[in-house]
N, C-alpha and C. Protein backbone atom coordinates (compact mmCIF):
# COMPACT_ATOMS: atom_id res chain seq x y z
N UNK A 1 0.95 -1.35 -0.16
CA UNK A 1 -0.29 -0.33 -0.24
C UNK A 1 0.93 1.34 0.38
N UNK A 2 0.61 2.03 -1.08
CA UNK A 2 1.38 3.57 -0.95
C UNK A 2 0.79 4.59 -0.16
N UNK A 3 1.31 5.77 0.34
CA UNK A 3 1.29 6.63 1.13
C UNK A 3 0.22 7.13 0.91
N UNK A 4 0.00 7.45 0.05
CA UNK A 4 -1.18 8.33 -0.66
C UNK A 4 -2.44 7.34 -0.46
N UNK A 5 -2.69 5.67 -0.51
CA UNK A 5 -3.73 4.83 -0.22
C UNK A 5 -4.29 5.04 1.29
N UNK A 6 -2.56 5.02 2.06
CA UNK A 6 -2.84 5.02 3.18
C UNK A 6 -3.50 6.11 3.94
N UNK A 7 -3.01 7.49 3.32
CA UNK A 7 -3.51 8.93 3.81
C UNK A 7 -5.40 8.98 3.41
N UNK A 8 -5.65 7.97 2.45
CA UNK A 8 -6.97 7.82 2.05
C UNK A 8 -7.71 7.21 3.01
N UNK A 9 -7.05 6.47 3.88
CA UNK A 9 -7.77 5.15 4.45
C UNK A 9 -7.65 5.89 5.55
N UNK A 10 -6.66 6.94 6.01
CA UNK A 10 -6.61 7.51 7.30
C UNK A 10 -8.04 8.57 7.30
N UNK A 11 -8.15 9.39 6.19
CA UNK A 11 -9.09 10.34 6.31
C UNK A 11 -10.89 9.74 6.22
N UNK A 12 -10.97 8.35 5.67
CA UNK A 12 -12.09 7.91 5.85
C UNK A 12 -12.16 7.24 7.51
N UNK A 13 -11.21 6.93 7.88
CA UNK A 13 -11.34 6.49 9.67
C UNK A 13 -11.86 7.84 10.07
N UNK A 14 -11.07 9.12 9.89
CA UNK A 14 -11.46 10.19 10.47
C UNK A 14 -13.04 10.83 10.35
N UNK A 15 -13.24 10.89 9.23
CA UNK A 15 -14.41 11.60 9.02
C UNK A 15 -15.62 10.31 9.19
N UNK A 16 -15.05 9.16 9.41
CA UNK A 16 -16.34 8.07 9.91
C UNK A 16 -16.47 8.34 11.84
N UNK A 17 -15.37 8.47 12.02
CA UNK A 17 -15.41 8.79 13.27
C UNK A 17 -16.36 10.00 13.91
N UNK A 18 -15.86 11.42 12.87
CA UNK A 18 -15.96 12.67 13.40
C UNK A 18 -17.40 13.03 13.09
N UNK A 19 -17.76 12.12 11.62
CA UNK A 19 -18.92 13.20 10.73
C UNK A 19 -19.89 11.92 10.84
N UNK A 20 -20.42 11.95 9.98
CA UNK A 20 -21.84 11.04 9.65
C UNK A 20 -22.12 10.11 8.41
N UNK A 21 -22.78 9.70 7.88
CA UNK A 21 -22.91 9.03 6.84
C UNK A 21 -24.04 10.16 5.95
N UNK A 22 -23.77 10.24 4.61
CA UNK A 22 -24.39 10.87 3.58
C UNK A 22 -25.15 10.07 2.19
N UNK A 23 -25.69 10.49 1.73
CA UNK A 23 -26.21 10.00 0.73
C UNK A 23 -25.55 10.95 -0.25
N UNK A 24 -25.27 10.44 -1.37
CA UNK A 24 -24.91 10.84 -2.79
C UNK A 24 -26.10 10.23 -3.63
N UNK A 25 -26.70 10.98 -4.23
CA UNK A 25 -27.54 10.35 -5.33
C UNK A 25 -27.41 11.39 -7.15
N UNK A 26 -27.68 10.50 -8.09
CA UNK A 26 -27.32 11.03 -9.35
C UNK A 26 -28.27 10.49 -10.62
N UNK A 27 -28.64 11.23 -11.22
CA UNK A 27 -30.09 10.51 -12.05
C UNK A 27 -29.03 10.34 -13.05
N UNK A 28 -29.40 8.62 -13.85
CA UNK A 28 -28.95 8.49 -15.02
C UNK A 28 -29.61 8.52 -15.91
N UNK A 29 -29.36 8.74 -17.40
CA UNK A 29 -29.76 9.35 -18.18
C UNK A 29 -30.73 8.04 -18.97
N UNK A 30 -31.98 8.26 -19.40
CA UNK A 30 -32.14 7.02 -20.26
C UNK A 30 -32.10 6.57 -21.36
N UNK A 31 -32.55 5.73 -22.42
CA UNK A 31 -31.81 5.22 -23.55
C UNK A 31 -32.63 5.74 -24.56
N UNK A 32 -32.06 5.74 -25.44
CA UNK A 32 -33.11 6.46 -26.44
C UNK A 32 -33.98 5.41 -27.05
N UNK A 33 -35.81 5.70 -27.21
CA UNK A 33 -36.57 4.78 -27.47
C UNK A 33 -36.87 5.48 -28.98
N UNK A 34 -36.50 4.45 -29.77
CA UNK A 34 -36.83 4.10 -31.22
C UNK A 34 -38.75 4.56 -31.32
N UNK A 35 -39.49 3.92 -30.72
CA UNK A 35 -40.98 4.22 -30.91
C UNK A 35 -41.16 5.82 -30.98
N UNK A 36 -40.72 6.31 -29.98
CA UNK A 36 -41.23 7.66 -29.36
C UNK A 36 -40.16 8.42 -29.90
N UNK A 37 -39.14 8.39 -30.36
CA UNK A 37 -38.19 9.15 -30.82
C UNK A 37 -37.66 9.96 -29.91
N UNK A 38 -37.63 9.52 -28.60
CA UNK A 38 -37.15 10.53 -27.83
C UNK A 38 -36.53 9.33 -26.61
N UNK A 39 -36.17 9.96 -25.35
CA UNK A 39 -35.13 9.10 -24.53
C UNK A 39 -36.02 8.77 -23.35
N UNK A 40 -36.13 7.84 -22.73
CA UNK A 40 -36.95 6.97 -21.53
C UNK A 40 -36.57 7.80 -20.40
N UNK A 41 -37.21 7.70 -19.28
CA UNK A 41 -36.87 8.26 -18.16
C UNK A 41 -35.91 7.49 -17.69
N UNK A 42 -34.70 8.17 -17.19
CA UNK A 42 -33.43 7.67 -16.39
C UNK A 42 -34.10 7.30 -14.86
N UNK A 43 -32.90 6.39 -14.43
CA UNK A 43 -33.59 5.91 -12.98
C UNK A 43 -32.20 7.11 -11.55
N UNK A 44 -32.43 6.64 -10.59
CA UNK A 44 -31.80 7.26 -10.05
C UNK A 44 -31.05 6.27 -9.11
N UNK A 45 -29.25 6.77 -8.99
CA UNK A 45 -28.84 5.96 -8.36
C UNK A 45 -27.70 6.67 -6.94
N UNK A 46 -27.69 5.73 -6.01
CA UNK A 46 -27.20 6.11 -4.64
C UNK A 46 -26.01 5.49 -4.34
N UNK A 47 -25.19 6.09 -3.28
CA UNK A 47 -24.12 5.63 -2.65
C UNK A 47 -23.83 6.19 -1.56
N UNK A 48 -23.87 5.70 -0.40
CA UNK A 48 -23.28 6.24 0.97
C UNK A 48 -22.07 6.76 0.83
N UNK A 49 -21.95 8.03 1.72
CA UNK A 49 -20.54 7.99 1.93
C UNK A 49 -20.33 8.84 3.39
N UNK A 50 -18.97 8.94 3.61
CA UNK A 50 -18.66 9.47 4.86
C UNK A 50 -18.59 11.02 4.97
N UNK A 51 -19.42 11.93 5.70
CA UNK A 51 -19.14 13.10 5.17
C UNK A 51 -19.29 14.00 6.60
N UNK A 52 -18.66 15.14 6.55
CA UNK A 52 -18.49 16.08 7.57
C UNK A 52 -19.43 17.48 7.23
N UNK A 53 -20.23 17.94 7.66
CA UNK A 53 -20.80 18.96 7.16
C UNK A 53 -20.41 20.22 8.31
N UNK A 54 -20.32 21.28 7.51
CA UNK A 54 -19.59 22.62 8.10
C UNK A 54 -20.14 23.51 7.84
N UNK A 55 -19.91 24.94 8.72
CA UNK A 55 -20.34 25.88 8.44
C UNK A 55 -19.22 26.59 7.53
N UNK A 56 -19.33 27.31 6.58
CA UNK A 56 -18.44 28.41 6.23
C UNK A 56 -17.97 29.69 7.32
N UNK A 57 -16.69 29.84 7.58
CA UNK A 57 -16.48 30.61 8.05
C UNK A 57 -16.53 32.60 7.82
N UNK A 58 -16.77 33.59 8.72
CA UNK A 58 -16.83 34.74 8.36
C UNK A 58 -15.32 35.02 7.43
N UNK A 59 -14.54 34.60 7.25
CA UNK A 59 -12.74 34.93 6.55
C UNK A 59 -13.69 34.24 4.99
N UNK A 60 -14.22 33.08 4.79
CA UNK A 60 -14.26 32.36 3.42
C UNK A 60 -15.32 33.05 3.01
N UNK A 61 -16.31 33.65 3.49
CA UNK A 61 -17.58 35.01 3.49
C UNK A 61 -16.93 36.18 2.72
N UNK A 62 -16.14 36.72 3.44
CA UNK A 62 -15.45 37.86 2.76
C UNK A 62 -14.49 37.85 1.47
N UNK A 63 -14.04 36.55 1.14
CA UNK A 63 -12.70 35.83 0.41
C UNK A 63 -13.79 35.28 -1.03
N UNK A 64 -15.05 35.26 -0.71
CA UNK A 64 -15.81 34.16 -1.85
C UNK A 64 -16.98 34.85 -1.70
N UNK A 65 -17.63 35.51 -2.86
CA UNK A 65 -18.84 36.29 -3.27
C UNK A 65 -19.71 35.24 -3.58
N UNK A 66 -19.59 33.94 -3.97
CA UNK A 66 -20.17 32.64 -4.46
C UNK A 66 -21.04 32.14 -3.36
N UNK A 67 -20.39 32.70 -1.90
CA UNK A 67 -21.01 31.64 -1.09
C UNK A 67 -22.50 32.63 -0.67
N UNK A 68 -23.40 31.67 -0.24
CA UNK A 68 -24.81 32.36 0.27
C UNK A 68 -24.80 31.95 1.48
N UNK A 69 -25.77 32.87 2.20
CA UNK A 69 -26.06 32.64 3.38
C UNK A 69 -27.22 30.92 3.47
N UNK A 70 -26.61 30.63 4.31
CA UNK A 70 -26.84 28.71 4.57
C UNK A 70 -26.35 28.16 3.74
N UNK A 71 -25.39 28.57 3.04
CA UNK A 71 -24.48 27.30 2.22
C UNK A 71 -23.63 26.90 3.35
N UNK A 72 -23.12 25.34 3.04
CA UNK A 72 -22.55 24.40 4.10
C UNK A 72 -21.24 24.03 2.99
N UNK A 73 -20.60 23.62 3.99
CA UNK A 73 -19.19 23.17 3.33
C UNK A 73 -19.02 21.77 3.82
N UNK A 74 -19.38 20.33 2.79
CA UNK A 74 -19.33 19.36 2.60
C UNK A 74 -17.94 18.98 2.26
N UNK A 75 -17.29 18.02 3.58
CA UNK A 75 -16.19 17.29 3.19
C UNK A 75 -16.53 15.61 3.11
N UNK A 76 -16.09 15.23 2.16
CA UNK A 76 -16.31 13.59 2.14
C UNK A 76 -15.43 12.69 1.84
N UNK A 77 -15.01 11.85 2.61
CA UNK A 77 -13.91 10.73 1.98
C UNK A 77 -14.10 10.07 1.04
N UNK A 78 -12.74 9.86 0.22
CA UNK A 78 -12.84 9.40 -1.39
C UNK A 78 -12.59 8.15 -1.01
N UNK A 79 -12.12 7.53 -0.02
CA UNK A 79 -11.92 6.00 0.26
C UNK A 79 -13.77 5.15 -0.44
N UNK A 80 -13.46 4.22 -1.21
CA UNK A 80 -14.46 3.73 -0.76
C UNK A 80 -16.04 4.32 -1.64
N UNK A 81 -15.86 5.24 -2.52
CA UNK A 81 -16.95 5.39 -3.44
C UNK A 81 -16.89 4.83 -4.58
N UNK A 82 -17.99 4.59 -5.06
CA UNK A 82 -18.44 4.18 -6.38
C UNK A 82 -18.32 4.95 -7.65
N UNK A 83 -18.45 6.15 -7.28
CA UNK A 83 -18.12 7.50 -8.17
C UNK A 83 -17.99 8.89 -7.56
N UNK A 84 -17.31 9.43 -8.22
CA UNK A 84 -16.79 10.72 -7.66
C UNK A 84 -18.10 12.05 -7.68
N UNK A 85 -17.97 12.88 -6.21
CA UNK A 85 -19.48 13.41 -6.55
C UNK A 85 -19.46 14.30 -7.83
N UNK A 86 -20.24 14.83 -8.63
CA UNK A 86 -20.73 15.57 -9.64
C UNK A 86 -21.54 16.77 -9.27
N UNK A 87 -21.35 17.94 -10.03
CA UNK A 87 -22.21 18.94 -9.80
C UNK A 87 -23.42 19.16 -10.11
N UNK A 88 -23.83 18.26 -10.72
CA UNK A 88 -25.23 17.71 -10.98
C UNK A 88 -25.84 16.47 -9.85
N UNK A 89 -24.99 16.03 -8.77
CA UNK A 89 -25.51 15.26 -7.93
C UNK A 89 -26.54 16.12 -6.79
N UNK A 90 -27.30 15.36 -5.87
CA UNK A 90 -27.69 15.98 -5.08
C UNK A 90 -27.18 14.67 -3.71
N UNK A 91 -27.12 15.30 -2.58
CA UNK A 91 -26.54 15.29 -1.30
C UNK A 91 -27.50 15.39 -0.29
N UNK A 92 -28.02 14.25 0.39
CA UNK A 92 -28.80 14.26 1.72
C UNK A 92 -27.94 14.01 2.82
N UNK A 93 -27.80 14.96 3.77
CA UNK A 93 -27.51 14.93 5.01
C UNK A 93 -28.00 15.60 5.96
N UNK A 94 -28.20 15.16 7.07
CA UNK A 94 -29.03 15.91 8.19
C UNK A 94 -30.61 16.19 7.90
N UNK A 95 -31.03 14.71 7.26
CA UNK A 95 -32.41 15.12 6.90
C UNK A 95 -33.11 16.05 6.27
N UNK A 96 -31.97 16.87 4.73
CA UNK A 96 -31.94 17.88 4.04
C UNK A 96 -31.71 17.55 2.81
N UNK A 97 -31.88 17.83 1.84
CA UNK A 97 -31.58 17.22 0.51
C UNK A 97 -31.12 18.64 0.05
N UNK A 98 -29.52 18.65 -0.54
CA UNK A 98 -28.52 19.79 -0.75
C UNK A 98 -28.35 19.33 -2.43
N UNK A 99 -28.10 20.68 -3.22
CA UNK A 99 -27.63 20.64 -4.43
C UNK A 99 -25.78 20.94 -4.05
N UNK A 100 -25.35 20.45 -5.26
CA UNK A 100 -23.86 20.77 -5.02
C UNK A 100 -23.66 21.85 -6.01
N UNK A 101 -22.73 22.68 -5.38
CA UNK A 101 -22.71 24.49 -6.47
C UNK A 101 -20.75 24.52 -6.36
N UNK A 102 -20.51 24.90 -7.50
CA UNK A 102 -19.26 25.15 -8.20
C UNK A 102 -18.84 26.32 -6.53
N UNK A 103 -17.26 25.76 -6.01
CA UNK A 103 -16.28 24.93 -6.78
C UNK A 103 -16.75 23.83 -6.03
N UNK A 104 -16.51 22.66 -6.46
CA UNK A 104 -16.26 21.16 -6.19
C UNK A 104 -14.58 20.76 -6.31
N UNK A 105 -14.00 20.58 -5.12
CA UNK A 105 -12.31 20.15 -5.10
C UNK A 105 -12.26 19.16 -4.53
N UNK A 106 -11.23 18.40 -5.34
CA UNK A 106 -10.77 17.33 -5.38
C UNK A 106 -9.40 17.14 -4.67
N UNK A 107 -9.16 16.64 -3.52
CA UNK A 107 -7.91 16.30 -3.11
C UNK A 107 -7.31 15.10 -3.59
N UNK A 108 -6.11 15.23 -4.62
CA UNK A 108 -5.95 14.18 -5.22
C UNK A 108 -4.41 13.96 -5.22
N UNK A 109 -3.58 13.81 -4.74
CA UNK A 109 -2.55 14.22 -4.47
C UNK A 109 -1.95 12.80 -5.25
N UNK A 110 -0.68 12.81 -6.61
CA UNK A 110 -0.17 11.44 -6.85
C UNK A 110 -1.54 10.85 -7.72
N UNK A 111 -2.62 11.17 -8.10
CA UNK A 111 -3.58 10.36 -8.71
C UNK A 111 -4.50 9.74 -7.53
N UNK A 112 -4.52 9.61 -6.51
CA UNK A 112 -5.07 9.30 -6.07
C UNK A 112 -6.20 9.89 -4.81
N UNK A 113 -7.34 9.94 -5.22
CA UNK A 113 -8.40 10.80 -4.75
C UNK A 113 -8.58 10.45 -2.93
N UNK A 114 -8.18 11.34 -2.12
CA UNK A 114 -8.52 11.14 -0.64
C UNK A 114 -9.61 12.01 -0.04
N UNK A 115 -10.22 12.89 -0.62
CA UNK A 115 -11.08 14.05 -0.14
C UNK A 115 -11.41 14.74 -1.00
N UNK A 116 -13.03 14.88 -1.08
CA UNK A 116 -13.75 16.18 -1.73
C UNK A 116 -14.60 16.97 -0.96
N UNK A 117 -14.09 18.13 -1.36
CA UNK A 117 -14.73 19.24 -0.57
C UNK A 117 -15.89 20.36 -1.24
N UNK A 118 -16.99 20.37 -1.19
CA UNK A 118 -17.98 20.44 -1.63
C UNK A 118 -18.66 21.55 -1.26
N UNK A 119 -19.15 22.58 -1.84
CA UNK A 119 -20.19 23.59 -1.19
C UNK A 119 -21.55 23.30 -1.64
N UNK A 120 -22.61 23.06 -0.87
CA UNK A 120 -23.97 22.78 -0.86
C UNK A 120 -24.80 23.62 -0.52
N UNK A 121 -26.16 23.44 -1.18
CA UNK A 121 -26.45 24.35 -0.92
C UNK A 121 -28.29 24.02 -0.77
N UNK A 122 -29.23 24.24 0.26
CA UNK A 122 -30.75 23.48 0.23
C UNK A 122 -31.59 24.17 -0.17
């Protein structure tokens, strides 16, 4: 096991201990329907991740005008995820559904995803 693989496992262990399970869901596109000439309805796929939901600090509000009142910072452990979070995905945390808004940061040294930092909005 490499150094960054070990770091990814450590991040997962820490976030599991101090965070909470969150659900990431995405809608899969439907397949082409030749009879109707359009697309069939797609399905929703979900995965459970370990995350920590945090408030933005006053300094972050001053430095980034894209943060709105009520936005949260969500840090998700990358280890064990079936897919990486995307801007079109939804996150369910603390009983609320959150949309992911830019920026979406991936902490990925040497090609090994360790952590995703998301800005989420309810």
